[in-house]
């Protein structure tokens, strides 16, 4: 990876770290009028959100690029890097098309929200487009990338059935029922797969373009 790519990856790590730390601080010191009223339960619950997990995937894989940019990549690492880009893209798209405006945030809560839902998706996707790494995606990796979102959904629905908490309105079984929730998740899955297929195709084209330029 080029020096510019490593710098961009470092900026990505900083954005994600700031967003998550601020969000944890806001949650820990909030009024306690949410579903979980006491700490540490409400702080731990932050990590149940797809937004936080997608940011962690993006930031963690970006940190690997900073520390070991030229290390040979395993199937797991390739999958995690693709998941980081795809999941953060889905986070940004779903938030700005479905969830934005449902709540009114102020102060540091608004800052954390902007970093996690807007800044991180932009720097994550742009970083992959501009710096890669290239040649790490194929249909096998695309297939493996579906595993994480499915695991998150299964965990969310099982946990919700026991504790009654669902992190997003569109997966709230108590409000919509399993049929509607599964339909909502199917629509998100279509978006995810479309982005994955697009990333695979674009990666090949960008790799060929760079090969020709060299």
N, C-alpha and C. Protein backbone atom coordinates (compact mmCIF):
# COMPACT_ATOMS: atom_id res chain seq x y z
N UNK A 1 0.84 -1.19 0.00
CA UNK A 1 0.00 0.00 0.00
C UNK A 1 0.88 1.24 0.00
N UNK A 2 0.44 2.27 -0.71
CA UNK A 2 1.20 3.52 -0.81
C UNK A 2 1.16 4.28 0.51
N UNK A 3 2.05 5.26 0.61
CA UNK A 3 2.07 6.10 1.81
C UNK A 3 0.75 6.85 1.98
N UNK A 4 0.21 7.32 0.84
CA UNK A 4 -1.08 8.00 0.91
C UNK A 4 -2.18 7.10 1.43
N UNK A 5 -2.14 5.82 1.02
CA UNK A 5 -3.13 4.87 1.50
C UNK A 5 -3.02 4.63 2.99
N UNK A 6 -1.78 4.54 3.48
CA UNK A 6 -1.59 4.33 4.93
C UNK A 6 -2.06 5.55 5.73
N UNK A 7 -1.79 6.74 5.19
CA UNK A 7 -2.25 7.96 5.87
C UNK A 7 -3.78 7.99 5.92
N UNK A 8 -4.42 7.65 4.79
CA UNK A 8 -5.88 7.63 4.75
C UNK A 8 -6.43 6.60 5.73
N UNK A 9 -5.79 5.43 5.79
CA UNK A 9 -6.21 4.40 6.73
C UNK A 9 -6.08 4.89 8.17
N UNK A 10 -5.01 5.62 8.46
CA UNK A 10 -4.82 6.16 9.81
C UNK A 10 -5.91 7.17 10.15
N UNK A 11 -6.28 8.00 9.18
CA UNK A 11 -7.37 8.96 9.40
C UNK A 11 -8.68 8.21 9.65
N UNK A 12 -8.90 7.13 8.92
CA UNK A 12 -10.10 6.31 9.11
C UNK A 12 -10.15 5.75 10.52
N UNK A 13 -9.02 5.25 11.00
CA UNK A 13 -8.95 4.73 12.37
C UNK A 13 -9.30 5.83 13.38
N UNK A 14 -8.77 7.02 13.16
CA UNK A 14 -9.02 8.14 14.07
C UNK A 14 -10.50 8.52 14.09
N UNK A 15 -11.12 8.57 12.92
CA UNK A 15 -12.55 8.91 12.83
C UNK A 15 -13.39 7.90 13.60
N UNK A 16 -13.12 6.61 13.36
CA UNK A 16 -13.88 5.56 14.02
C UNK A 16 -13.66 5.60 15.53
N UNK A 17 -12.42 5.73 15.95
CA UNK A 17 -12.11 5.75 17.38
C UNK A 17 -12.79 6.92 18.08
N UNK A 18 -12.72 8.09 17.47
CA UNK A 18 -13.36 9.27 18.08
C UNK A 18 -14.87 9.08 18.16
N UNK A 19 -15.47 8.58 17.09
CA UNK A 19 -16.91 8.38 17.09
C UNK A 19 -17.37 7.42 18.16
N UNK A 20 -16.68 6.29 18.29
CA UNK A 20 -17.09 5.28 19.27
C UNK A 20 -16.84 5.76 20.69
N UNK A 21 -15.68 6.36 20.94
CA UNK A 21 -15.39 6.85 22.29
C UNK A 21 -16.39 7.91 22.72
N UNK A 22 -16.69 8.84 21.83
CA UNK A 22 -17.68 9.89 22.16
C UNK A 22 -19.04 9.26 22.42
N UNK A 23 -19.44 8.29 21.59
CA UNK A 23 -20.73 7.64 21.77
C UNK A 23 -20.80 6.91 23.11
N UNK A 24 -19.73 6.23 23.50
CA UNK A 24 -19.71 5.53 24.79
C UNK A 24 -19.80 6.53 25.94
N UNK A 25 -19.10 7.65 25.80
CA UNK A 25 -19.15 8.69 26.83
C UNK A 25 -20.55 9.27 26.96
N UNK A 26 -21.18 9.57 25.82
CA UNK A 26 -22.54 10.12 25.83
C UNK A 26 -23.51 9.13 26.45
N UNK A 27 -23.39 7.86 26.08
CA UNK A 27 -24.29 6.84 26.61
C UNK A 27 -24.10 6.66 28.11
N UNK A 28 -22.86 6.62 28.55
CA UNK A 28 -22.57 6.40 29.98
C UNK A 28 -23.06 7.55 30.84
N UNK A 29 -23.06 8.76 30.28
CA UNK A 29 -23.42 9.93 31.08
C UNK A 29 -24.77 10.52 30.71
N UNK A 30 -25.56 9.77 29.94
CA UNK A 30 -26.89 10.23 29.55
C UNK A 30 -27.88 10.16 30.69
N UNK A 31 -29.12 10.60 30.43
CA UNK A 31 -30.14 10.65 31.50
C UNK A 31 -30.64 9.28 31.94
N UNK A 32 -30.37 8.23 31.19
CA UNK A 32 -30.81 6.91 31.59
C UNK A 32 -32.29 6.66 31.40
N UNK A 33 -32.87 7.28 30.37
CA UNK A 33 -34.30 7.11 30.12
C UNK A 33 -34.57 6.18 28.93
N UNK A 34 -33.54 5.44 28.50
CA UNK A 34 -33.72 4.51 27.40
C UNK A 34 -34.17 3.14 27.89
N UNK A 35 -34.03 2.14 27.03
CA UNK A 35 -34.47 0.79 27.39
C UNK A 35 -33.66 0.25 28.55
N UNK A 36 -32.33 0.46 28.51
CA UNK A 36 -31.46 0.07 29.61
C UNK A 36 -31.15 1.33 30.42
N UNK A 37 -31.58 1.35 31.65
CA UNK A 37 -31.50 2.58 32.44
C UNK A 37 -30.22 2.70 33.26
N UNK A 38 -29.54 1.60 33.48
CA UNK A 38 -28.37 1.62 34.36
C UNK A 38 -27.11 1.20 33.62
N UNK A 39 -25.98 1.69 34.11
CA UNK A 39 -24.68 1.23 33.64
C UNK A 39 -24.25 0.02 34.46
N UNK A 40 -23.50 -0.93 33.91
CA UNK A 40 -22.87 -0.86 32.59
C UNK A 40 -23.73 -1.41 31.46
N UNK A 41 -25.00 -1.82 31.76
CA UNK A 41 -25.81 -2.46 30.73
C UNK A 41 -26.00 -1.57 29.51
N UNK A 42 -26.29 -0.29 29.73
CA UNK A 42 -26.56 0.56 28.57
C UNK A 42 -25.31 0.87 27.77
N UNK A 43 -24.12 0.86 28.43
CA UNK A 43 -22.87 1.03 27.70
C UNK A 43 -22.57 -0.21 26.87
N UNK A 44 -22.71 -1.39 27.47
CA UNK A 44 -22.48 -2.63 26.73
C UNK A 44 -23.45 -2.75 25.55
N UNK A 45 -24.66 -2.24 25.72
CA UNK A 45 -25.66 -2.36 24.67
C UNK A 45 -25.30 -1.57 23.42
N UNK A 46 -24.43 -0.58 23.55
CA UNK A 46 -23.98 0.19 22.39
C UNK A 46 -23.40 -0.75 21.33
N UNK A 47 -22.73 -1.81 21.77
CA UNK A 47 -22.05 -2.70 20.83
C UNK A 47 -23.02 -3.66 20.13
N UNK A 48 -24.29 -3.62 20.49
CA UNK A 48 -25.29 -4.43 19.79
C UNK A 48 -25.75 -3.78 18.49
N UNK A 49 -25.41 -2.52 18.30
CA UNK A 49 -25.85 -1.79 17.11
C UNK A 49 -24.96 -2.13 15.91
N UNK A 50 -25.60 -2.35 14.77
CA UNK A 50 -24.88 -2.63 13.53
C UNK A 50 -23.96 -1.47 13.19
N UNK A 51 -24.37 -0.26 13.49
CA UNK A 51 -23.54 0.92 13.24
C UNK A 51 -22.20 0.80 13.94
N UNK A 52 -22.23 0.46 15.21
CA UNK A 52 -20.99 0.36 15.99
C UNK A 52 -20.14 -0.79 15.47
N UNK A 53 -20.76 -1.92 15.21
CA UNK A 53 -20.00 -3.08 14.74
C UNK A 53 -19.39 -2.83 13.36
N UNK A 54 -20.12 -2.16 12.49
CA UNK A 54 -19.56 -1.86 11.16
C UNK A 54 -18.40 -0.88 11.28
N UNK A 55 -18.51 0.08 12.19
CA UNK A 55 -17.39 1.00 12.42
C UNK A 55 -16.19 0.27 12.99
N UNK A 56 -16.41 -0.68 13.89
CA UNK A 56 -15.30 -1.46 14.43
C UNK A 56 -14.63 -2.30 13.35
N UNK A 57 -15.42 -2.88 12.46
CA UNK A 57 -14.85 -3.64 11.35
C UNK A 57 -14.00 -2.74 10.45
N UNK A 58 -14.55 -1.57 10.13
CA UNK A 58 -13.82 -0.63 9.28
C UNK A 58 -12.54 -0.16 9.97
N UNK A 59 -12.65 0.27 11.22
CA UNK A 59 -11.49 0.79 11.93
C UNK A 59 -10.44 -0.28 12.19
N UNK A 60 -10.89 -1.49 12.54
CA UNK A 60 -9.95 -2.57 12.82
C UNK A 60 -9.16 -2.97 11.58
N UNK A 61 -9.83 -3.09 10.45
CA UNK A 61 -9.12 -3.47 9.23
C UNK A 61 -8.25 -2.33 8.70
N UNK A 62 -8.69 -1.09 8.92
CA UNK A 62 -7.85 0.05 8.55
C UNK A 62 -6.59 0.08 9.40
N UNK A 63 -6.71 -0.27 10.67
CA UNK A 63 -5.54 -0.32 11.54
C UNK A 63 -4.54 -1.38 11.07
N UNK A 64 -5.05 -2.51 10.58
CA UNK A 64 -4.18 -3.54 10.02
C UNK A 64 -3.41 -3.01 8.82
N UNK A 65 -4.08 -2.19 8.00
CA UNK A 65 -3.41 -1.62 6.83
C UNK A 65 -2.31 -0.66 7.25
N UNK A 66 -2.52 0.07 8.34
CA UNK A 66 -1.50 1.00 8.83
C UNK A 66 -0.29 0.23 9.36
N UNK A 67 -0.54 -0.83 10.11
CA UNK A 67 0.54 -1.54 10.79
C UNK A 67 1.24 -2.56 9.91
N UNK A 68 0.49 -3.26 9.05
CA UNK A 68 1.07 -4.29 8.19
C UNK A 68 0.48 -4.19 6.79
N UNK A 69 0.83 -3.14 6.05
CA UNK A 69 0.17 -2.88 4.76
C UNK A 69 0.49 -3.91 3.68
N UNK A 70 1.62 -4.60 3.77
CA UNK A 70 2.04 -5.50 2.70
C UNK A 70 2.03 -6.97 3.12
N UNK A 71 1.39 -7.26 4.23
CA UNK A 71 1.34 -8.64 4.71
C UNK A 71 0.41 -9.47 3.81
N UNK A 72 0.82 -10.71 3.44
CA UNK A 72 -0.07 -11.58 2.66
C UNK A 72 -1.40 -11.79 3.37
N UNK A 73 -2.48 -11.77 2.63
CA UNK A 73 -3.80 -11.76 3.24
C UNK A 73 -4.44 -13.14 3.20
N UNK A 74 -5.00 -13.54 4.32
CA UNK A 74 -5.76 -14.78 4.40
C UNK A 74 -7.19 -14.53 3.93
N UNK A 75 -7.93 -15.61 3.74
CA UNK A 75 -9.34 -15.49 3.36
C UNK A 75 -10.11 -14.70 4.42
N UNK A 76 -9.80 -14.95 5.69
CA UNK A 76 -10.49 -14.24 6.78
C UNK A 76 -10.24 -12.75 6.70
N UNK A 77 -8.98 -12.36 6.50
CA UNK A 77 -8.66 -10.94 6.47
C UNK A 77 -9.29 -10.26 5.26
N UNK A 78 -9.26 -10.92 4.11
CA UNK A 78 -9.90 -10.36 2.91
C UNK A 78 -11.40 -10.16 3.15
N UNK A 79 -12.02 -11.14 3.80
CA UNK A 79 -13.45 -11.06 4.08
C UNK A 79 -13.75 -9.92 5.04
N UNK A 80 -12.94 -9.80 6.09
CA UNK A 80 -13.16 -8.74 7.07
C UNK A 80 -12.99 -7.35 6.46
N UNK A 81 -12.01 -7.23 5.58
CA UNK A 81 -11.81 -5.93 4.93
C UNK A 81 -12.98 -5.58 4.02
N UNK A 82 -13.47 -6.57 3.29
CA UNK A 82 -14.65 -6.32 2.46
C UNK A 82 -15.85 -6.00 3.33
N UNK A 83 -16.02 -6.75 4.42
CA UNK A 83 -17.12 -6.47 5.35
C UNK A 83 -17.04 -5.05 5.90
N UNK A 84 -15.83 -4.61 6.22
CA UNK A 84 -15.68 -3.26 6.75
C UNK A 84 -16.21 -2.21 5.79
N UNK A 85 -15.87 -2.36 4.51
CA UNK A 85 -16.31 -1.39 3.50
C UNK A 85 -17.80 -1.52 3.23
N UNK A 86 -18.29 -2.76 3.04
CA UNK A 86 -19.69 -2.96 2.70
C UNK A 86 -20.61 -2.57 3.86
N UNK A 87 -20.25 -3.00 5.07
CA UNK A 87 -21.13 -2.74 6.21
C UNK A 87 -21.19 -1.26 6.55
N UNK A 88 -20.07 -0.56 6.41
CA UNK A 88 -20.11 0.87 6.69
C UNK A 88 -20.90 1.60 5.60
N UNK A 89 -20.84 1.10 4.36
CA UNK A 89 -21.64 1.69 3.29
C UNK A 89 -23.12 1.48 3.55
N UNK A 90 -23.51 0.27 3.96
CA UNK A 90 -24.90 -0.01 4.29
C UNK A 90 -25.35 0.86 5.46
N UNK A 91 -24.47 1.02 6.45
CA UNK A 91 -24.79 1.87 7.60
C UNK A 91 -25.14 3.28 7.16
N UNK A 92 -24.29 3.85 6.30
CA UNK A 92 -24.55 5.21 5.84
C UNK A 92 -25.81 5.32 5.01
N UNK A 93 -26.02 4.37 4.10
CA UNK A 93 -27.20 4.43 3.22
C UNK A 93 -28.49 4.24 4.01
N UNK A 94 -28.54 3.22 4.86
CA UNK A 94 -29.76 2.95 5.63
C UNK A 94 -30.06 4.10 6.58
N UNK A 95 -29.02 4.62 7.23
CA UNK A 95 -29.27 5.73 8.16
C UNK A 95 -29.86 6.94 7.44
N UNK A 96 -29.24 7.34 6.35
CA UNK A 96 -29.66 8.58 5.68
C UNK A 96 -30.94 8.43 4.88
N UNK A 97 -31.34 7.20 4.58
CA UNK A 97 -32.59 7.01 3.83
C UNK A 97 -33.76 6.57 4.71
N UNK A 98 -33.47 5.98 5.86
CA UNK A 98 -34.54 5.41 6.69
C UNK A 98 -34.57 5.98 8.11
N UNK A 99 -33.40 6.12 8.73
CA UNK A 99 -33.36 6.40 10.17
C UNK A 99 -33.14 7.87 10.52
N UNK A 100 -32.52 8.63 9.65
CA UNK A 100 -32.24 10.04 9.95
C UNK A 100 -33.53 10.79 10.22
N UNK A 101 -33.52 11.59 11.24
CA UNK A 101 -34.70 12.37 11.57
C UNK A 101 -35.63 11.72 12.57
N UNK A 102 -35.38 10.45 12.92
CA UNK A 102 -36.25 9.78 13.90
C UNK A 102 -36.02 10.30 15.31
N UNK A 103 -34.81 10.81 15.55
CA UNK A 103 -34.51 11.37 16.87
C UNK A 103 -33.83 12.71 16.72
N UNK A 104 -33.86 13.50 17.76
CA UNK A 104 -33.24 14.83 17.75
C UNK A 104 -32.06 14.82 18.71
N UNK A 105 -30.87 14.94 18.14
CA UNK A 105 -29.65 14.87 18.93
C UNK A 105 -29.03 16.26 19.08
N UNK A 106 -28.31 16.41 20.17
CA UNK A 106 -27.67 17.70 20.45
C UNK A 106 -26.28 17.45 21.04
N UNK A 107 -25.42 18.44 20.93
CA UNK A 107 -24.13 18.39 21.58
C UNK A 107 -23.26 17.25 21.10
N UNK A 108 -22.62 16.58 22.06
CA UNK A 108 -21.70 15.50 21.72
C UNK A 108 -22.40 14.31 21.09
N UNK A 109 -23.66 14.11 21.42
CA UNK A 109 -24.41 13.02 20.79
C UNK A 109 -24.53 13.26 19.29
N UNK A 110 -24.73 14.49 18.90
CA UNK A 110 -24.82 14.82 17.48
C UNK A 110 -23.46 14.65 16.79
N UNK A 111 -22.39 14.99 17.51
CA UNK A 111 -21.04 14.81 16.96
C UNK A 111 -20.77 13.33 16.71
N UNK A 112 -21.05 12.49 17.71
CA UNK A 112 -20.83 11.05 17.56
C UNK A 112 -21.67 10.49 16.41
N UNK A 113 -22.91 10.93 16.33
CA UNK A 113 -23.79 10.46 15.27
C UNK A 113 -23.24 10.81 13.89
N UNK A 114 -22.74 12.02 13.74
CA UNK A 114 -22.18 12.46 12.46
C UNK A 114 -20.93 11.66 12.10
N UNK A 115 -20.07 11.41 13.07
CA UNK A 115 -18.85 10.65 12.81
C UNK A 115 -19.16 9.22 12.41
N UNK A 116 -20.09 8.59 13.11
CA UNK A 116 -20.37 7.17 12.91
C UNK A 116 -21.23 6.89 11.69
N UNK A 117 -22.17 7.80 11.38
CA UNK A 117 -23.12 7.54 10.30
C UNK A 117 -22.81 8.27 8.99
N UNK A 118 -21.98 9.28 9.05
CA UNK A 118 -21.69 10.06 7.85
C UNK A 118 -20.20 10.07 7.51
N UNK A 119 -19.37 10.53 8.46
CA UNK A 119 -17.94 10.64 8.18
C UNK A 119 -17.30 9.29 7.92
N UNK A 120 -17.55 8.32 8.79
CA UNK A 120 -16.94 6.99 8.62
C UNK A 120 -17.35 6.33 7.30
N UNK A 121 -18.63 6.34 6.93
CA UNK A 121 -18.97 5.78 5.62
C UNK A 121 -18.27 6.47 4.45
N UNK A 122 -18.15 7.78 4.51
CA UNK A 122 -17.51 8.51 3.41
C UNK A 122 -16.03 8.16 3.33
N UNK A 123 -15.31 8.25 4.46
CA UNK A 123 -13.86 7.98 4.41
C UNK A 123 -13.59 6.50 4.15
N UNK A 124 -14.48 5.62 4.64
CA UNK A 124 -14.29 4.20 4.42
C UNK A 124 -14.42 3.81 2.96
N UNK A 125 -15.48 4.26 2.33
CA UNK A 125 -15.72 3.92 0.92
C UNK A 125 -14.71 4.63 0.01
N UNK A 126 -14.47 5.91 0.27
CA UNK A 126 -13.50 6.64 -0.55
C UNK A 126 -12.10 6.05 -0.42
N UNK A 127 -11.75 5.65 0.79
CA UNK A 127 -10.43 5.05 1.00
C UNK A 127 -10.26 3.78 0.18
N UNK A 128 -11.30 2.95 0.14
CA UNK A 128 -11.22 1.72 -0.65
C UNK A 128 -11.15 2.05 -2.15
N UNK A 129 -11.93 3.02 -2.61
CA UNK A 129 -11.93 3.39 -4.02
C UNK A 129 -10.57 3.94 -4.45
N UNK A 130 -9.98 4.78 -3.61
CA UNK A 130 -8.75 5.46 -3.98
C UNK A 130 -7.50 4.60 -3.78
N UNK A 131 -7.49 3.80 -2.71
CA UNK A 131 -6.25 3.14 -2.32
C UNK A 131 -6.33 1.61 -2.23
N UNK A 132 -7.52 1.06 -2.33
CA UNK A 132 -7.64 -0.40 -2.26
C UNK A 132 -7.51 -0.93 -0.83
N UNK A 133 -6.80 -2.04 -0.65
CA UNK A 133 -5.96 -2.74 -1.62
C UNK A 133 -6.76 -3.45 -2.71
N UNK A 134 -6.16 -3.55 -3.88
CA UNK A 134 -6.79 -4.17 -5.03
C UNK A 134 -6.49 -5.66 -5.09
N UNK A 135 -7.36 -6.38 -5.80
CA UNK A 135 -7.14 -7.79 -6.04
C UNK A 135 -7.43 -8.70 -4.87
N UNK A 136 -8.22 -8.22 -3.91
CA UNK A 136 -8.51 -9.04 -2.73
C UNK A 136 -9.94 -9.58 -2.74
N UNK A 137 -10.71 -9.26 -3.77
CA UNK A 137 -12.12 -9.65 -3.80
C UNK A 137 -12.38 -10.60 -4.96
N UNK A 138 -13.09 -11.68 -4.68
CA UNK A 138 -13.63 -12.55 -5.72
C UNK A 138 -14.98 -13.05 -5.21
N UNK A 139 -15.64 -13.90 -6.00
CA UNK A 139 -16.99 -14.32 -5.59
C UNK A 139 -16.98 -15.17 -4.33
N UNK A 140 -15.87 -15.85 -4.07
CA UNK A 140 -15.77 -16.63 -2.83
C UNK A 140 -15.74 -15.70 -1.62
N UNK A 141 -14.98 -14.62 -1.73
CA UNK A 141 -14.92 -13.65 -0.63
C UNK A 141 -16.27 -12.95 -0.47
N UNK A 142 -16.92 -12.66 -1.58
CA UNK A 142 -18.27 -12.05 -1.52
C UNK A 142 -19.22 -12.97 -0.76
N UNK A 143 -19.14 -14.28 -1.05
CA UNK A 143 -20.00 -15.23 -0.35
C UNK A 143 -19.72 -15.26 1.14
N UNK A 144 -18.45 -15.27 1.52
CA UNK A 144 -18.11 -15.27 2.94
C UNK A 144 -18.54 -13.97 3.63
N UNK A 145 -18.57 -12.87 2.89
CA UNK A 145 -18.92 -11.58 3.49
C UNK A 145 -20.36 -11.52 3.98
N UNK A 146 -21.19 -12.43 3.47
CA UNK A 146 -22.60 -12.45 3.88
C UNK A 146 -22.77 -13.03 5.28
N UNK A 147 -21.77 -13.80 5.74
CA UNK A 147 -21.89 -14.50 7.02
C UNK A 147 -22.08 -13.53 8.18
N UNK A 148 -21.27 -12.47 8.22
CA UNK A 148 -21.35 -11.56 9.37
C UNK A 148 -22.73 -10.88 9.49
N UNK A 149 -23.28 -10.29 8.43
CA UNK A 149 -24.62 -9.68 8.57
C UNK A 149 -25.68 -10.68 9.01
N UNK A 150 -25.59 -11.92 8.54
CA UNK A 150 -26.55 -12.95 8.96
C UNK A 150 -26.41 -13.27 10.44
N UNK A 151 -25.16 -13.37 10.90
CA UNK A 151 -24.93 -13.63 12.32
C UNK A 151 -25.46 -12.49 13.18
N UNK A 152 -25.26 -11.24 12.71
CA UNK A 152 -25.78 -10.09 13.47
C UNK A 152 -27.30 -10.16 13.55
N UNK A 153 -27.95 -10.50 12.44
CA UNK A 153 -29.41 -10.57 12.43
C UNK A 153 -29.92 -11.67 13.36
N UNK A 154 -29.31 -12.84 13.29
CA UNK A 154 -29.72 -13.95 14.16
C UNK A 154 -29.53 -13.56 15.62
N UNK A 155 -28.38 -12.98 15.95
CA UNK A 155 -28.12 -12.55 17.32
C UNK A 155 -29.15 -11.52 17.77
N UNK A 156 -29.45 -10.56 16.91
CA UNK A 156 -30.38 -9.47 17.26
C UNK A 156 -31.78 -10.01 17.52
N UNK A 157 -32.26 -10.92 16.68
CA UNK A 157 -33.61 -11.45 16.84
C UNK A 157 -33.71 -12.37 18.06
N UNK A 158 -32.70 -13.19 18.29
CA UNK A 158 -32.72 -14.08 19.46
C UNK A 158 -32.62 -13.27 20.74
N UNK A 159 -31.70 -12.33 20.77
CA UNK A 159 -31.55 -11.48 21.96
C UNK A 159 -32.81 -10.67 22.20
N UNK A 160 -33.39 -10.13 21.12
CA UNK A 160 -34.61 -9.34 21.26
C UNK A 160 -35.76 -10.15 21.81
N UNK A 161 -35.85 -11.43 21.42
CA UNK A 161 -36.93 -12.28 21.93
C UNK A 161 -36.81 -12.50 23.43
N UNK A 162 -35.58 -12.47 23.95
CA UNK A 162 -35.38 -12.71 25.38
C UNK A 162 -35.44 -11.43 26.21
N UNK A 163 -34.84 -10.34 25.70
CA UNK A 163 -34.77 -9.12 26.52
C UNK A 163 -35.76 -8.05 26.07
N UNK A 164 -36.33 -8.20 24.86
CA UNK A 164 -37.31 -7.22 24.39
C UNK A 164 -36.72 -5.98 23.77
N UNK A 165 -35.41 -5.98 23.49
CA UNK A 165 -34.77 -4.80 22.90
C UNK A 165 -34.35 -5.10 21.47
N UNK A 166 -34.68 -4.17 20.56
CA UNK A 166 -34.25 -4.24 19.16
C UNK A 166 -33.60 -2.91 18.82
N UNK A 167 -32.38 -2.94 18.27
CA UNK A 167 -31.62 -1.69 18.10
C UNK A 167 -32.18 -0.73 17.06
N UNK A 168 -33.00 -1.24 16.11
CA UNK A 168 -33.54 -0.38 15.06
C UNK A 168 -35.03 -0.66 14.87
N UNK A 169 -35.80 0.35 14.51
CA UNK A 169 -37.24 0.14 14.33
C UNK A 169 -37.58 -0.92 13.29
N UNK A 170 -36.79 -1.03 12.22
CA UNK A 170 -37.16 -1.97 11.16
C UNK A 170 -36.88 -3.43 11.52
N UNK A 171 -36.22 -3.69 12.66
CA UNK A 171 -36.05 -5.07 13.12
C UNK A 171 -36.82 -5.33 14.42
N UNK A 172 -37.72 -4.43 14.75
CA UNK A 172 -38.51 -4.57 15.98
C UNK A 172 -39.66 -5.54 15.76
N UNK A 173 -39.47 -6.78 16.20
CA UNK A 173 -40.47 -7.82 16.00
C UNK A 173 -41.73 -7.53 16.81
N UNK A 174 -41.57 -6.96 18.00
CA UNK A 174 -42.73 -6.66 18.84
C UNK A 174 -43.68 -5.68 18.16
N UNK A 175 -43.11 -4.79 17.37
CA UNK A 175 -43.93 -3.76 16.70
C UNK A 175 -44.43 -4.21 15.33
N UNK A 176 -43.59 -4.92 14.57
CA UNK A 176 -43.93 -5.23 13.19
C UNK A 176 -44.23 -6.70 12.92
N UNK A 177 -43.81 -7.59 13.82
CA UNK A 177 -43.97 -9.02 13.56
C UNK A 177 -42.82 -9.57 12.73
N UNK A 178 -42.63 -10.89 12.77
CA UNK A 178 -41.50 -11.49 12.09
C UNK A 178 -41.59 -11.35 10.57
N UNK A 179 -42.78 -11.43 10.02
CA UNK A 179 -42.92 -11.34 8.57
C UNK A 179 -42.41 -10.02 8.03
N UNK A 180 -42.86 -8.92 8.62
CA UNK A 180 -42.44 -7.61 8.16
C UNK A 180 -40.96 -7.38 8.41
N UNK A 181 -40.46 -7.83 9.57
CA UNK A 181 -39.05 -7.65 9.89
C UNK A 181 -38.17 -8.41 8.91
N UNK A 182 -38.54 -9.63 8.60
CA UNK A 182 -37.75 -10.42 7.64
C UNK A 182 -37.78 -9.80 6.25
N UNK A 183 -38.92 -9.21 5.89
CA UNK A 183 -39.00 -8.51 4.61
C UNK A 183 -38.08 -7.30 4.61
N UNK A 184 -38.08 -6.54 5.70
CA UNK A 184 -37.19 -5.40 5.82
C UNK A 184 -35.73 -5.83 5.69
N UNK A 185 -35.39 -6.93 6.37
CA UNK A 185 -34.01 -7.42 6.33
C UNK A 185 -33.65 -7.94 4.94
N UNK A 186 -34.63 -8.49 4.24
CA UNK A 186 -34.39 -8.95 2.88
C UNK A 186 -34.02 -7.78 1.98
N UNK A 187 -34.70 -6.65 2.15
CA UNK A 187 -34.39 -5.47 1.35
C UNK A 187 -32.98 -4.98 1.63
N UNK A 188 -32.58 -5.00 2.91
CA UNK A 188 -31.22 -4.61 3.26
C UNK A 188 -30.22 -5.60 2.69
N UNK A 189 -30.59 -6.90 2.71
CA UNK A 189 -29.71 -7.94 2.16
C UNK A 189 -29.49 -7.74 0.67
N UNK A 190 -30.54 -7.36 -0.04
CA UNK A 190 -30.41 -7.08 -1.48
C UNK A 190 -29.44 -5.92 -1.71
N UNK A 191 -29.56 -4.89 -0.89
CA UNK A 191 -28.64 -3.75 -0.98
C UNK A 191 -27.21 -4.21 -0.72
N UNK A 192 -27.02 -5.03 0.32
CA UNK A 192 -25.69 -5.52 0.67
C UNK A 192 -25.08 -6.32 -0.48
N UNK A 193 -25.87 -7.25 -1.05
CA UNK A 193 -25.37 -8.09 -2.13
C UNK A 193 -25.08 -7.27 -3.39
N UNK A 194 -25.91 -6.27 -3.64
CA UNK A 194 -25.68 -5.41 -4.80
C UNK A 194 -24.36 -4.65 -4.64
N UNK A 195 -24.11 -4.14 -3.43
CA UNK A 195 -22.85 -3.45 -3.17
C UNK A 195 -21.67 -4.40 -3.27
N UNK A 196 -21.84 -5.64 -2.78
CA UNK A 196 -20.76 -6.62 -2.84
C UNK A 196 -20.43 -6.97 -4.28
N UNK A 197 -21.46 -7.21 -5.09
CA UNK A 197 -21.23 -7.52 -6.50
C UNK A 197 -20.58 -6.34 -7.21
N UNK A 198 -21.03 -5.14 -6.89
CA UNK A 198 -20.44 -3.96 -7.49
C UNK A 198 -18.99 -3.78 -7.09
N UNK A 199 -18.68 -4.06 -5.82
CA UNK A 199 -17.30 -3.94 -5.35
C UNK A 199 -16.40 -4.95 -6.05
N UNK A 200 -16.90 -6.16 -6.25
CA UNK A 200 -16.12 -7.19 -6.94
C UNK A 200 -15.82 -6.78 -8.38
N UNK A 201 -16.84 -6.31 -9.08
CA UNK A 201 -16.66 -5.88 -10.47
C UNK A 201 -15.73 -4.68 -10.56
N UNK A 202 -15.95 -3.70 -9.69
CA UNK A 202 -15.14 -2.48 -9.73
C UNK A 202 -13.69 -2.77 -9.36
N UNK A 203 -13.48 -3.67 -8.39
CA UNK A 203 -12.12 -4.02 -7.99
C UNK A 203 -11.34 -4.59 -9.16
N UNK A 204 -11.98 -5.46 -9.93
CA UNK A 204 -11.30 -6.06 -11.09
C UNK A 204 -10.96 -5.01 -12.14
N UNK A 205 -11.89 -4.10 -12.37
CA UNK A 205 -11.65 -3.06 -13.38
C UNK A 205 -10.53 -2.12 -12.93
N UNK A 206 -10.54 -1.73 -11.67
CA UNK A 206 -9.49 -0.84 -11.16
C UNK A 206 -8.13 -1.53 -11.17
N UNK A 207 -8.12 -2.82 -10.88
CA UNK A 207 -6.86 -3.56 -10.90
C UNK A 207 -6.30 -3.63 -12.32
N UNK A 208 -7.18 -3.92 -13.30
CA UNK A 208 -6.73 -3.97 -14.69
C UNK A 208 -6.23 -2.60 -15.16
N UNK A 209 -6.94 -1.54 -14.74
CA UNK A 209 -6.55 -0.18 -15.14
C UNK A 209 -5.17 0.15 -14.62
N UNK A 210 -4.88 -0.21 -13.36
CA UNK A 210 -3.57 0.11 -12.78
C UNK A 210 -2.48 -0.72 -13.45
N UNK A 211 -2.83 -1.96 -13.82
CA UNK A 211 -1.86 -2.81 -14.49
C UNK A 211 -1.48 -2.23 -15.85
N UNK A 212 -2.48 -1.75 -16.58
CA UNK A 212 -2.22 -1.14 -17.88
C UNK A 212 -1.40 0.13 -17.73
N UNK A 213 -1.71 0.95 -16.72
CA UNK A 213 -0.98 2.20 -16.50
C UNK A 213 0.49 1.96 -16.19
N UNK A 214 0.76 0.85 -15.51
CA UNK A 214 2.15 0.54 -15.18
C UNK A 214 2.92 0.03 -16.40
